[in-house]
Structure formats: structure tokens, C-alpha cells
């Protein structure tokens, strides 16, 4: 079955599993994880983002990751490839490769370390769009990119090929404006874990969500309850289990915390690449309690 033309629902900001020594992407672990996500009912995966440790991957590994994700998704769910880089040249190289591989859309974080101007960002997005003809998702993460845009400026990127937004600003009023006043210009996905319930209730088209690596079933249940059925009572019950997990993840190095959660469930990830490490025993034990409270079976 071909992936939907319009993105919506639970889009998992997927981890990048490594071999035990961290030297390579572990294809078998990735395939098993994607299969688990598909069986849980998620609507798409977003490889090559922050949760996927894209800054720790070589260009060759980033390309390999996208190829494997498209192969293992096998048209059952959407694949949105993270293709942001520090230069236009690298952005376009990664974007063209992802387009040729068969992804549904491209997620682009602006160059980080030195923030670009709004005009430079517009030019970058326009160039990527013209080179690939795929819809773009702007990854709005001011804490990492150093680029803070107004809702008007974000919506204005629609003139540069940007159709979707992953909003990881944590700015609820700005998210509200985008959902209620800019919905005809750009399709907004929540990308800030602890705002997921609010974002879905307010009308976000879905969530690009790292926690869904750990809790895909609960994530899909929340989407169905709040966004599809409008059952806020059930949504609040589900959110009472999910929110402590999201709050915990946001309080730690995110990719390391997500992979620690998966390891606690018995899912081997290969850990995170140095200088980062999986969580120490204290936080790990705290996390195990939260996962059990959410009804998950902690095996490690």
C-alpha cells in the first residue's frame, strides 16, 4: 500500500540503532524496530533527526539510514527524511539522495552553530525544493538552530516549498497561532513532547515524536482518542501515563534517554555515540518506575 500523500498522525522521530561497539548502523535492529512500529499502527517515521543522532553520523551513514528505512517501511508508512546540514551543498546532496530513494517528504533543520538570516533560510528552502520537487517540513528548533521565527515568518516559508512544520519550539502561544490562524499556509505537527496532548487537542495534524520509539502503542491510542474521536476523557487518561515519560525525556539528553527507555524494555539499541552515554543507574531506575506506571514491561 502506498503511503498517504498527506502526512498526518504519529510520525516517529526514529532512533538510529548501532552495533554494540557503536561503529556501524545495525540494519537488523533497525528492521526489527520499524516492524514493531508498523505493527503498533504508527503513521510514519522520521529518520535522520535529533533523536536519530544525525550530527553523529557521516554523510554516507545518513544516506544508508534513509535507504534502509525506505526499504523496511516498504510503502506501509510514510518516511520523512531528515536532510538538514551546515551547508547548502550538503543539504541538497542529502535531499536529492533521499528523493531518489523514495521518501515521502524531507525534513530540513536550518544550519546550526551560526544561525542563518530569514532571507538565507528562504533561499535554502527554495533551492532544496527546486532540486527535489518533494514537500518540505521545516524543523523549527530554536534552542539548537539559534533561529527564532515568528508564526508569520514560518508560514511564509510556504512560498519556498515548505508544506509542513515540526514545531519543537515549546512555545504554546506560537503553536496556537500557527494552528488557528496559519493553517491554510502550513500544516503543523507538534514536536515538543510535553505539549503533545495540547497540540493534538488544538488541531495539530500529528506529532513528530521521539517518545513513540518507546511507547508506540500508547502514542497511537492517544492520537485515536484525541485527534480522531475527540474523546478528551480517554485522552486525559492516556496522557496521565504518557506525560511523566515525556517530562523525563525532556529533562535529559534526549537521544540517550530514549535509547535508555528502549533498553529497559529489552530492545537493544547499541547505545549512543560518544561523547554521549546512556543514562546512569540513578536516572535509569527512575525511568523504569515511570515505564512500569505506564503499564510497560521493564525487562532490563
Protein backbone atom coordinates (compact mmCIF):
# COMPACT_ATOMS: atom_id res chain seq x y z
CA UNK A 1 0.00 0.00 0.00
CA UNK A 2 1.38 3.39 -0.99
CA UNK A 3 1.99 5.89 1.81
CA UNK A 4 -0.57 8.65 2.18
CA UNK A 5 0.01 11.77 0.11
CA UNK A 6 -0.87 13.99 3.06
CA UNK A 7 1.15 13.48 6.21
CA UNK A 8 -0.78 13.10 9.45
CA UNK A 9 -0.79 11.18 12.69
CA UNK A 10 2.05 9.73 14.74
CA UNK A 11 5.35 10.26 12.95
CA UNK A 12 8.10 8.58 14.97
CA UNK A 13 11.34 10.55 15.23
CA UNK A 14 13.15 7.25 14.95
CA UNK A 15 16.40 6.31 16.66
CA UNK A 16 19.46 5.10 14.77
CA UNK A 17 20.41 1.67 16.17
CA UNK A 18 24.12 0.88 16.23
CA UNK A 19 26.15 -2.28 16.58
CA UNK A 20 27.33 -2.95 20.12
CA UNK A 21 30.65 -1.17 19.53
CA UNK A 22 28.89 1.85 18.01
CA UNK A 23 30.91 1.68 14.83
CA UNK A 24 28.08 1.00 12.37
CA UNK A 25 24.35 1.26 11.87
CA UNK A 26 22.81 -2.07 12.85
CA UNK A 27 20.47 -2.89 9.96
CA UNK A 28 18.84 -5.86 11.66
CA UNK A 29 17.99 -3.88 14.78
CA UNK A 30 16.58 -1.09 12.62
CA UNK A 31 14.41 -3.51 10.65
CA UNK A 32 13.06 -5.10 13.82
CA UNK A 33 12.30 -1.71 15.33
CA UNK A 34 10.50 -0.45 12.23
CA UNK A 35 8.45 -3.63 12.14
CA UNK A 36 7.46 -3.07 15.75
CA UNK A 37 6.39 0.49 14.96
CA UNK A 38 4.37 -0.57 11.92
CA UNK A 39 2.60 -3.27 13.92
CA UNK A 40 1.78 -0.69 16.60
CA UNK A 41 -0.03 1.38 13.98
CA UNK A 42 2.18 4.46 13.63
CA UNK A 43 1.67 6.54 10.51
CA UNK A 44 5.26 7.32 9.59
CA UNK A 45 8.89 7.51 10.61
CA UNK A 46 11.30 10.43 10.51
CA UNK A 47 14.90 9.18 10.32
CA UNK A 48 17.90 11.47 10.47
CA UNK A 49 16.61 13.91 13.07
CA UNK A 50 17.80 14.82 16.56
CA UNK A 51 16.54 11.59 18.11
CA UNK A 52 18.37 9.77 15.32
CA UNK A 53 21.67 11.44 16.29
CA UNK A 54 22.16 12.84 12.79
CA UNK A 55 25.02 15.07 13.93
CA UNK A 56 26.99 11.96 14.94
CA UNK A 57 26.52 10.25 11.55
CA UNK A 58 28.73 10.56 8.48
CA UNK A 59 27.12 11.63 5.22
CA UNK A 60 27.44 8.05 3.98
CA UNK A 61 25.70 6.75 7.11
CA UNK A 62 22.91 9.30 6.75
CA UNK A 63 22.29 8.08 3.21
CA UNK A 64 22.43 4.44 4.32
CA UNK A 65 19.93 5.14 7.10
CA UNK A 66 17.40 6.62 4.67
CA UNK A 67 17.83 3.76 2.22
CA UNK A 68 17.25 1.18 4.96
CA UNK A 69 14.21 3.00 6.35
CA UNK A 70 12.54 3.20 2.94
CA UNK A 71 13.31 -0.48 2.31
CA UNK A 72 11.97 -1.66 5.66
CA UNK A 73 8.92 0.62 5.68
CA UNK A 74 8.08 -0.95 2.31
CA UNK A 75 5.40 1.57 1.44
CA UNK A 76 3.33 0.76 4.52
CA UNK A 77 4.03 4.04 6.28
CA UNK A 78 5.46 7.40 5.28
CA UNK A 79 9.18 8.12 5.52
CA UNK A 80 10.21 11.74 6.05
CA UNK A 81 13.97 12.08 5.71
CA UNK A 82 15.92 14.48 7.88
CA UNK A 83 18.32 16.19 5.47
CA UNK A 84 19.46 19.33 7.30
CA UNK A 85 23.17 20.16 7.17
CA UNK A 86 25.60 23.02 7.71
CA UNK A 87 25.90 23.99 4.05
CA UNK A 88 23.51 24.31 1.12
CA UNK A 89 25.69 21.91 -0.87
CA UNK A 90 25.37 19.14 1.73
CA UNK A 91 21.65 19.83 2.25
CA UNK A 92 20.98 19.44 -1.45
CA UNK A 93 23.17 16.34 -1.76
CA UNK A 94 21.29 14.64 1.08
CA UNK A 95 17.91 15.85 -0.17
CA UNK A 96 18.45 14.62 -3.73
CA UNK A 97 19.63 11.25 -2.47
CA UNK A 98 16.58 10.91 -0.20
CA UNK A 99 14.26 11.90 -3.05
CA UNK A 100 15.84 9.32 -5.33
CA UNK A 101 15.47 6.71 -2.58
CA UNK A 102 11.70 7.24 -2.50
CA UNK A 103 10.88 9.16 0.67
CA UNK A 104 7.55 10.92 1.14
CA UNK A 105 8.93 14.29 2.21
CA UNK A 106 12.07 16.00 3.51
CA UNK A 107 12.58 17.50 6.97
CA UNK A 108 15.08 20.34 7.00
CA UNK A 109 16.60 21.87 10.10
CA UNK A 110 18.36 25.17 9.33
CA UNK A 111 22.16 25.31 9.58
CA UNK A 112 23.07 25.30 13.26
CA UNK A 113 26.01 26.81 15.17
CA UNK A 114 25.90 30.02 13.12
CA UNK A 115 22.27 30.98 12.62
CA UNK A 116 21.20 31.99 9.12
CA UNK A 117 19.07 35.02 8.41
CA UNK A 118 15.44 34.62 7.36
CA UNK A 119 16.32 35.59 3.81
CA UNK A 120 19.10 33.00 3.70
CA UNK A 121 16.71 30.38 5.04
CA UNK A 122 14.18 31.22 2.33
CA UNK A 123 16.84 30.83 -0.33
CA UNK A 124 17.99 27.49 1.12
CA UNK A 125 14.46 26.07 1.21
CA UNK A 126 13.72 27.28 -2.31
CA UNK A 127 16.87 25.62 -3.65
CA UNK A 128 16.09 22.30 -1.96
CA UNK A 129 12.52 22.42 -3.21
CA UNK A 130 13.52 23.13 -6.80
CA UNK A 131 16.11 20.33 -6.77
CA UNK A 132 13.77 17.63 -5.42
CA UNK A 133 10.11 18.59 -6.06
CA UNK A 134 9.23 16.98 -2.72
CA UNK A 135 7.24 18.70 0.04
CA UNK A 136 9.47 20.10 2.78
CA UNK A 137 8.95 20.02 6.53
CA UNK A 138 10.62 22.88 8.36
CA UNK A 139 12.16 21.70 11.63
CA UNK A 140 11.65 24.61 14.00
CA UNK A 141 14.02 24.07 16.93
CA UNK A 142 15.34 27.47 18.06
CA UNK A 143 17.22 26.02 21.04
CA UNK A 144 19.53 24.14 18.64
CA UNK A 145 19.48 26.27 15.49
CA UNK A 146 19.65 29.68 17.16
CA UNK A 147 16.97 30.86 14.73
CA UNK A 148 13.72 32.15 16.25
CA UNK A 149 10.98 32.89 13.75
CA UNK A 150 7.54 34.39 14.22
CA UNK A 151 4.48 32.37 13.18
CA UNK A 152 4.12 34.76 10.25
CA UNK A 153 7.68 34.06 9.10
CA UNK A 154 7.24 30.30 9.49
CA UNK A 155 4.03 30.36 7.47
CA UNK A 156 5.82 32.49 4.88
CA UNK A 157 8.13 29.57 4.14
CA UNK A 158 5.21 28.03 2.28
CA UNK A 159 6.29 30.22 -0.64
CA UNK A 160 9.61 28.34 -0.65
CA UNK A 161 8.27 24.79 -0.91
CA UNK A 162 7.61 24.23 2.79
CA UNK A 163 4.32 22.40 3.31
CA UNK A 164 4.78 21.04 6.82
CA UNK A 165 6.16 22.24 10.14
CA UNK A 166 7.66 20.27 13.00
CA UNK A 167 7.36 22.74 15.87
CA UNK A 168 9.93 21.99 18.56
CA UNK A 169 9.91 25.48 19.99
CA UNK A 170 7.98 24.70 23.16
CA UNK A 171 6.11 27.95 22.53
CA UNK A 172 2.44 27.09 23.05
CA UNK A 173 1.03 30.52 22.07
CA UNK A 174 3.00 30.45 18.80
CA UNK A 175 1.83 26.89 18.16
CA UNK A 176 -1.74 28.04 18.74
CA UNK A 177 -1.38 30.87 16.25
CA UNK A 178 0.02 28.50 13.65
CA UNK A 179 -2.84 26.06 14.18
CA UNK A 180 -5.67 28.57 14.21
CA UNK A 181 -4.51 31.49 12.10
CA UNK A 182 -1.96 29.98 9.69
CA UNK A 183 -3.49 26.58 8.97
CA UNK A 184 -4.17 27.48 5.33
CA UNK A 185 -0.49 28.30 4.78
CA UNK A 186 1.34 25.50 6.58
CA UNK A 187 0.42 22.12 8.11
CA UNK A 188 1.70 22.00 11.67
CA UNK A 189 2.93 18.98 13.62
CA UNK A 190 3.78 19.23 17.28
CA UNK A 191 7.37 18.32 18.04
CA UNK A 192 7.66 19.23 21.73
CA UNK A 193 6.92 16.16 23.84
CA UNK A 194 5.17 17.74 26.82
CA UNK A 195 2.89 19.76 24.51
CA UNK A 196 1.64 16.71 22.59
CA UNK A 197 -1.76 16.43 24.25
CA UNK A 198 -2.39 20.14 23.89
CA UNK A 199 -1.17 20.18 20.29
CA UNK A 200 -3.41 17.31 19.21
CA UNK A 201 -6.42 18.76 21.08
CA UNK A 202 -5.78 22.12 19.44
CA UNK A 203 -5.80 20.59 15.97
CA UNK A 204 -2.20 19.68 15.07
CA UNK A 205 -2.14 17.27 12.13
CA UNK A 206 0.02 14.92 14.15
CA UNK A 207 3.17 14.68 16.20
CA UNK A 208 6.78 14.08 15.20
CA UNK A 209 7.58 12.31 18.41
CA UNK A 210 10.71 10.64 19.80
CA UNK A 211 8.90 9.11 22.77
CA UNK A 212 6.99 6.93 20.31
CA UNK A 213 10.12 4.79 19.94
CA UNK A 214 9.36 3.62 23.49
CA UNK A 215 5.56 3.88 23.61
CA UNK A 216 4.25 3.45 20.04
CA UNK A 217 1.02 1.77 21.13
CA UNK A 218 0.18 4.47 23.69
CA UNK A 219 1.08 7.16 21.14
CA UNK A 220 -1.32 5.76 18.57
CA UNK A 221 -4.02 5.33 21.20
CA UNK A 222 -3.64 9.00 22.17
CA UNK A 223 -3.91 10.08 18.53
CA UNK A 224 -7.03 7.98 18.00
CA UNK A 225 -8.67 9.22 21.19
CA UNK A 226 -7.93 12.94 20.87
CA UNK A 227 -7.48 13.69 17.16
CA UNK A 228 -9.76 11.11 15.57
CA UNK A 229 -12.58 10.52 18.07
CA UNK A 230 -12.40 13.74 20.06
CA UNK A 231 -12.62 11.74 23.28
CA UNK A 232 -10.85 14.08 25.68
CA UNK A 233 -11.74 11.99 28.73
CA UNK A 234 -9.93 8.95 27.35
CA UNK A 235 -7.19 11.23 26.04
CA UNK A 236 -6.54 12.62 29.52
CA UNK A 237 -6.37 9.10 30.95
CA UNK A 238 -3.77 8.12 28.36
CA UNK A 239 -1.88 11.38 28.80
CA UNK A 240 -1.61 10.79 32.55
CA UNK A 241 0.55 7.75 31.67
CA UNK A 242 2.47 9.41 28.85
CA UNK A 243 3.21 12.85 30.29
CA UNK A 244 5.65 11.68 33.03
CA UNK A 245 7.64 9.85 30.35
CA UNK A 246 7.75 12.94 28.14
CA UNK A 247 8.73 15.16 31.07
CA UNK A 248 11.54 12.77 31.95
CA UNK A 249 12.86 12.65 28.38
CA UNK A 250 12.96 16.44 28.15
CA UNK A 251 14.98 16.62 31.37
CA UNK A 252 17.87 14.56 29.95
CA UNK A 253 19.98 14.30 26.83
CA UNK A 254 17.13 13.29 24.60
CA UNK A 255 18.52 10.57 22.33
CA UNK A 256 20.30 8.94 25.26
CA UNK A 257 17.10 8.95 27.33
CA UNK A 258 15.02 7.47 24.50
CA UNK A 259 17.52 4.69 23.92
CA UNK A 260 17.75 4.03 27.65
CA UNK A 261 13.98 3.60 27.73
CA UNK A 262 14.14 1.12 24.88
CA UNK A 263 16.93 -0.81 26.58
CA UNK A 264 14.79 -1.04 29.73
CA UNK A 265 12.12 -2.71 27.59
CA UNK A 266 14.65 -5.22 26.31
CA UNK A 267 15.19 -3.58 22.91
CA UNK A 268 18.88 -3.43 22.01
CA UNK A 269 19.96 -0.09 20.52
CA UNK A 270 23.76 -0.14 20.56
CA UNK A 271 23.70 2.93 22.80
CA UNK A 272 24.52 6.48 21.76
CA UNK A 273 27.72 7.67 20.16
CA UNK A 274 30.37 9.35 22.29
CA UNK A 275 30.71 11.77 23.92
CA UNK A 276 27.14 10.92 24.99
CA UNK A 277 26.20 7.85 27.02
CA UNK A 278 23.08 6.02 28.07
CA UNK A 279 21.65 7.25 31.37
CA UNK A 280 23.37 6.37 34.62
CA UNK A 281 21.86 3.96 37.15
CA UNK A 282 20.02 6.62 39.18
CA UNK A 283 18.01 8.16 36.33
CA UNK A 284 17.65 4.71 34.75
CA UNK A 285 15.91 3.35 37.86
CA UNK A 286 13.69 6.44 37.98
CA UNK A 287 12.76 5.90 34.34
CA UNK A 288 11.97 2.23 34.95
CA UNK A 289 9.37 3.24 37.54
CA UNK A 290 7.70 5.62 35.08
CA UNK A 291 7.57 2.97 32.38
CA UNK A 292 6.03 0.43 34.76
CA UNK A 293 3.49 3.02 35.90
CA UNK A 294 2.51 3.43 32.23
CA UNK A 295 1.81 -0.30 32.01
CA UNK A 296 5.01 -1.31 30.19
CA UNK A 297 7.03 -4.41 30.97
CA UNK A 298 10.51 -3.49 32.07
CA UNK A 299 12.83 -6.41 31.44
CA UNK A 300 16.32 -4.93 31.88
